[in-house]
Amino acid sequence: EILRSVDQHQILMLTRLLCREQVLAKIIAADPTDHPSGRAYLQTVQSIGRLSAQYGLGPADRGRLRATPEAPVEESKFSALLARMSSN
């Protein structure tokens, strides 16, 4: 099946979930008693499983995917101008 333009949102969500899973795994490795992070990790992994199944990605396929956390987006001058205008 060919990816449609509407799939871009789900693919973006999948990559964000993969990044979140990596971050949470590091937190849990540092402190295994952090139960809220453990629950968030399990929920994230379950979401990844459900979403990736829609695209035929199994666990081995997901292991080969590399997602890096997004860099913070610098506010553009235009966005700053709009924010100033809306606050007046």
N, C-alpha and C. Protein backbone atom coordinates (compact mmCIF):
# COMPACT_ATOMS: atom_id res chain seq x y z
N GLU A 1 0.85 -1.18 0.00
CA GLU A 1 0.00 0.00 0.00
C GLU A 1 0.89 1.25 0.00
N ILE A 2 0.50 2.22 -0.75
CA ILE A 2 1.26 3.47 -0.84
C ILE A 2 0.84 4.39 0.29
N LEU A 3 1.81 5.04 0.89
CA LEU A 3 1.48 5.99 1.96
C LEU A 3 0.74 7.17 1.37
N ARG A 4 -0.30 7.57 2.06
CA ARG A 4 -1.08 8.73 1.62
C ARG A 4 -0.63 9.95 2.42
N SER A 5 -1.04 11.11 1.97
CA SER A 5 -0.65 12.34 2.67
C SER A 5 -1.21 12.39 4.08
N VAL A 6 -2.37 11.74 4.30
CA VAL A 6 -2.94 11.73 5.65
C VAL A 6 -2.12 10.85 6.60
N ASP A 7 -1.30 9.96 6.06
CA ASP A 7 -0.46 9.10 6.89
C ASP A 7 0.68 9.86 7.55
N GLN A 8 0.99 11.04 7.05
CA GLN A 8 2.14 11.77 7.58
C GLN A 8 1.98 12.09 9.06
N HIS A 9 0.76 12.31 9.50
CA HIS A 9 0.53 12.63 10.91
C HIS A 9 0.78 11.41 11.79
N GLN A 10 0.36 10.25 11.32
CA GLN A 10 0.58 9.04 12.10
C GLN A 10 2.05 8.64 12.10
N ILE A 11 2.72 8.84 10.98
CA ILE A 11 4.16 8.55 10.92
C ILE A 11 4.92 9.49 11.85
N LEU A 12 4.53 10.75 11.86
CA LEU A 12 5.14 11.71 12.78
C LEU A 12 4.91 11.31 14.22
N MET A 13 3.68 10.90 14.54
CA MET A 13 3.38 10.44 15.90
C MET A 13 4.21 9.22 16.26
N LEU A 14 4.38 8.31 15.32
CA LEU A 14 5.17 7.12 15.57
C LEU A 14 6.62 7.49 15.88
N THR A 15 7.19 8.40 15.11
CA THR A 15 8.58 8.79 15.38
C THR A 15 8.70 9.51 16.72
N ARG A 16 7.71 10.30 17.09
CA ARG A 16 7.74 10.97 18.39
C ARG A 16 7.63 9.95 19.53
N LEU A 17 6.80 8.94 19.32
CA LEU A 17 6.68 7.88 20.34
C LEU A 17 7.99 7.10 20.47
N LEU A 18 8.66 6.85 19.35
CA LEU A 18 9.94 6.15 19.41
C LEU A 18 10.98 6.97 20.18
N CYS A 19 10.98 8.27 19.96
CA CYS A 19 11.90 9.15 20.70
C CYS A 19 11.56 9.15 22.19
N ARG A 20 10.27 9.22 22.49
CA ARG A 20 9.82 9.23 23.89
C ARG A 20 10.22 7.92 24.58
N GLU A 21 10.10 6.81 23.85
CA GLU A 21 10.46 5.51 24.41
C GLU A 21 11.95 5.48 24.78
N GLN A 22 12.79 6.05 23.94
CA GLN A 22 14.24 6.09 24.21
C GLN A 22 14.53 6.92 25.45
N VAL A 23 13.88 8.07 25.58
CA VAL A 23 14.10 8.95 26.73
C VAL A 23 13.64 8.26 28.01
N LEU A 24 12.45 7.67 27.97
CA LEU A 24 11.93 6.99 29.16
C LEU A 24 12.78 5.79 29.55
N ALA A 25 13.31 5.09 28.57
CA ALA A 25 14.17 3.94 28.87
C ALA A 25 15.41 4.39 29.63
N LYS A 26 15.97 5.53 29.27
CA LYS A 26 17.14 6.06 29.98
C LYS A 26 16.78 6.47 31.40
N ILE A 27 15.61 7.07 31.58
CA ILE A 27 15.16 7.47 32.91
C ILE A 27 14.99 6.25 33.80
N ILE A 28 14.38 5.19 33.27
CA ILE A 28 14.15 3.98 34.04
C ILE A 28 15.46 3.27 34.34
N ALA A 29 16.40 3.30 33.40
CA ALA A 29 17.71 2.67 33.64
C ALA A 29 18.43 3.39 34.78
N ALA A 30 18.26 4.70 34.85
CA ALA A 30 18.92 5.47 35.91
C ALA A 30 18.24 5.27 37.26
N ASP A 31 16.91 5.10 37.27
CA ASP A 31 16.16 4.93 38.52
C ASP A 31 15.02 3.94 38.30
N PRO A 32 15.28 2.65 38.51
CA PRO A 32 14.24 1.63 38.28
C PRO A 32 13.02 1.76 39.20
N THR A 33 13.12 2.53 40.27
CA THR A 33 11.99 2.69 41.19
C THR A 33 11.06 3.83 40.79
N ASP A 34 11.34 4.48 39.67
CA ASP A 34 10.51 5.59 39.19
C ASP A 34 9.26 5.01 38.52
N HIS A 35 8.25 4.75 39.32
CA HIS A 35 7.05 4.07 38.83
C HIS A 35 6.24 4.90 37.83
N PRO A 36 6.09 6.22 38.00
CA PRO A 36 5.36 6.99 36.96
C PRO A 36 6.03 6.89 35.59
N SER A 37 7.36 6.92 35.58
CA SER A 37 8.06 6.79 34.29
C SER A 37 7.90 5.38 33.74
N GLY A 38 7.85 4.39 34.62
CA GLY A 38 7.65 3.02 34.18
C GLY A 38 6.29 2.83 33.53
N ARG A 39 5.25 3.43 34.13
CA ARG A 39 3.91 3.35 33.54
C ARG A 39 3.87 4.08 32.19
N ALA A 40 4.51 5.26 32.14
CA ALA A 40 4.54 6.01 30.89
C ALA A 40 5.28 5.23 29.81
N TYR A 41 6.35 4.53 30.21
CA TYR A 41 7.10 3.72 29.26
C TYR A 41 6.22 2.60 28.69
N LEU A 42 5.50 1.90 29.57
CA LEU A 42 4.64 0.81 29.10
C LEU A 42 3.54 1.31 28.18
N GLN A 43 2.94 2.44 28.51
CA GLN A 43 1.90 3.02 27.65
C GLN A 43 2.49 3.42 26.30
N THR A 44 3.69 3.97 26.31
CA THR A 44 4.35 4.38 25.07
C THR A 44 4.64 3.18 24.19
N VAL A 45 5.16 2.12 24.79
CA VAL A 45 5.48 0.91 24.03
C VAL A 45 4.21 0.30 23.44
N GLN A 46 3.12 0.31 24.20
CA GLN A 46 1.85 -0.22 23.68
C GLN A 46 1.35 0.63 22.51
N SER A 47 1.48 1.95 22.62
CA SER A 47 1.06 2.84 21.53
C SER A 47 1.90 2.61 20.29
N ILE A 48 3.20 2.40 20.48
CA ILE A 48 4.09 2.13 19.34
C ILE A 48 3.65 0.84 18.66
N GLY A 49 3.34 -0.18 19.44
CA GLY A 49 2.92 -1.46 18.87
C GLY A 49 1.65 -1.33 18.06
N ARG A 50 0.67 -0.62 18.60
CA ARG A 50 -0.61 -0.45 17.87
C ARG A 50 -0.42 0.36 16.59
N LEU A 51 0.31 1.46 16.69
CA LEU A 51 0.46 2.35 15.54
C LEU A 51 1.34 1.72 14.47
N SER A 52 2.41 1.06 14.86
CA SER A 52 3.30 0.47 13.87
C SER A 52 2.66 -0.72 13.16
N ALA A 53 1.74 -1.40 13.82
CA ALA A 53 1.06 -2.53 13.17
C ALA A 53 0.26 -2.07 11.96
N GLN A 54 -0.22 -0.83 11.99
CA GLN A 54 -0.97 -0.31 10.85
C GLN A 54 -0.11 -0.20 9.61
N TYR A 55 1.19 -0.11 9.79
CA TYR A 55 2.10 0.03 8.65
C TYR A 55 2.93 -1.23 8.42
N GLY A 56 2.54 -2.32 9.08
CA GLY A 56 3.23 -3.58 8.87
C GLY A 56 4.61 -3.64 9.47
N LEU A 57 4.87 -2.82 10.48
CA LEU A 57 6.18 -2.82 11.13
C LEU A 57 6.14 -3.73 12.35
N GLY A 58 6.96 -4.75 12.33
CA GLY A 58 7.07 -5.65 13.47
C GLY A 58 8.16 -5.17 14.41
N PRO A 59 8.37 -5.89 15.51
CA PRO A 59 9.40 -5.50 16.46
C PRO A 59 10.80 -5.42 15.85
N ALA A 60 11.13 -6.33 14.96
CA ALA A 60 12.45 -6.29 14.32
C ALA A 60 12.59 -5.05 13.44
N ASP A 61 11.52 -4.68 12.75
CA ASP A 61 11.55 -3.48 11.90
C ASP A 61 11.72 -2.22 12.75
N ARG A 62 10.99 -2.17 13.86
CA ARG A 62 11.08 -1.00 14.74
C ARG A 62 12.48 -0.86 15.32
N GLY A 63 13.14 -1.98 15.55
CA GLY A 63 14.51 -1.94 16.09
C GLY A 63 15.49 -1.32 15.11
N ARG A 64 15.19 -1.42 13.83
CA ARG A 64 16.08 -0.84 12.82
C ARG A 64 15.80 0.63 12.57
N LEU A 65 14.65 1.12 13.01
CA LEU A 65 14.33 2.53 12.82
C LEU A 65 15.14 3.36 13.79
N ARG A 66 15.61 4.48 13.34
CA ARG A 66 16.36 5.39 14.19
C ARG A 66 15.63 6.72 14.23
N ALA A 67 15.21 7.09 15.40
CA ALA A 67 14.54 8.37 15.59
C ALA A 67 15.31 9.13 16.66
N THR A 68 15.62 10.36 16.37
CA THR A 68 16.31 11.18 17.35
C THR A 68 15.37 12.27 17.84
N PRO A 69 15.47 12.61 19.11
CA PRO A 69 14.58 13.67 19.62
C PRO A 69 14.72 14.94 18.82
N GLU A 70 13.60 15.62 18.67
CA GLU A 70 13.59 16.86 17.91
C GLU A 70 14.37 17.95 18.63
N ALA A 71 15.08 18.73 17.85
CA ALA A 71 15.77 19.88 18.41
C ALA A 71 14.73 20.96 18.71
N PRO A 72 14.95 21.71 19.76
CA PRO A 72 13.99 22.78 20.05
C PRO A 72 13.91 23.76 18.87
N VAL A 73 12.70 24.14 18.55
CA VAL A 73 12.50 25.06 17.43
C VAL A 73 12.69 26.48 17.93
N GLU A 74 13.55 27.19 17.24
CA GLU A 74 13.79 28.57 17.62
C GLU A 74 12.62 29.42 17.12
N GLU A 75 12.16 30.30 17.96
CA GLU A 75 11.03 31.14 17.60
C GLU A 75 11.47 32.10 16.48
N SER A 76 10.67 32.16 15.44
CA SER A 76 11.01 33.05 14.34
C SER A 76 10.64 34.48 14.69
N LYS A 77 11.22 35.41 13.98
CA LYS A 77 10.93 36.83 14.22
C LYS A 77 9.45 37.10 13.93
N PHE A 78 8.90 36.42 12.92
CA PHE A 78 7.51 36.61 12.57
C PHE A 78 6.60 36.14 13.71
N SER A 79 6.91 34.99 14.30
CA SER A 79 6.12 34.49 15.42
C SER A 79 6.18 35.43 16.61
N ALA A 80 7.36 35.99 16.86
CA ALA A 80 7.50 36.94 17.96
C ALA A 80 6.66 38.20 17.70
N LEU A 81 6.65 38.65 16.46
CA LEU A 81 5.87 39.83 16.08
C LEU A 81 4.38 39.55 16.27
N LEU A 82 3.92 38.37 15.82
CA LEU A 82 2.51 38.02 15.99
C LEU A 82 2.13 37.94 17.48
N ALA A 83 3.01 37.41 18.29
CA ALA A 83 2.73 37.31 19.72
C ALA A 83 2.61 38.69 20.35
N ARG A 84 3.49 39.60 19.95
CA ARG A 84 3.42 40.98 20.48
C ARG A 84 2.16 41.66 20.03
N MET A 85 1.76 41.43 18.77
CA MET A 85 0.57 42.09 18.25
C MET A 85 -0.69 41.56 18.94
N SER A 86 -0.72 40.26 19.23
CA SER A 86 -1.93 39.69 19.86
C SER A 86 -2.04 40.08 21.33
N SER A 87 -0.92 40.43 21.96
CA SER A 87 -0.98 40.80 23.37
C SER A 87 -1.39 42.26 23.57
N ASN A 88 -1.39 43.03 22.50
CA ASN A 88 -1.78 44.45 22.61
C ASN A 88 -3.25 44.63 22.45
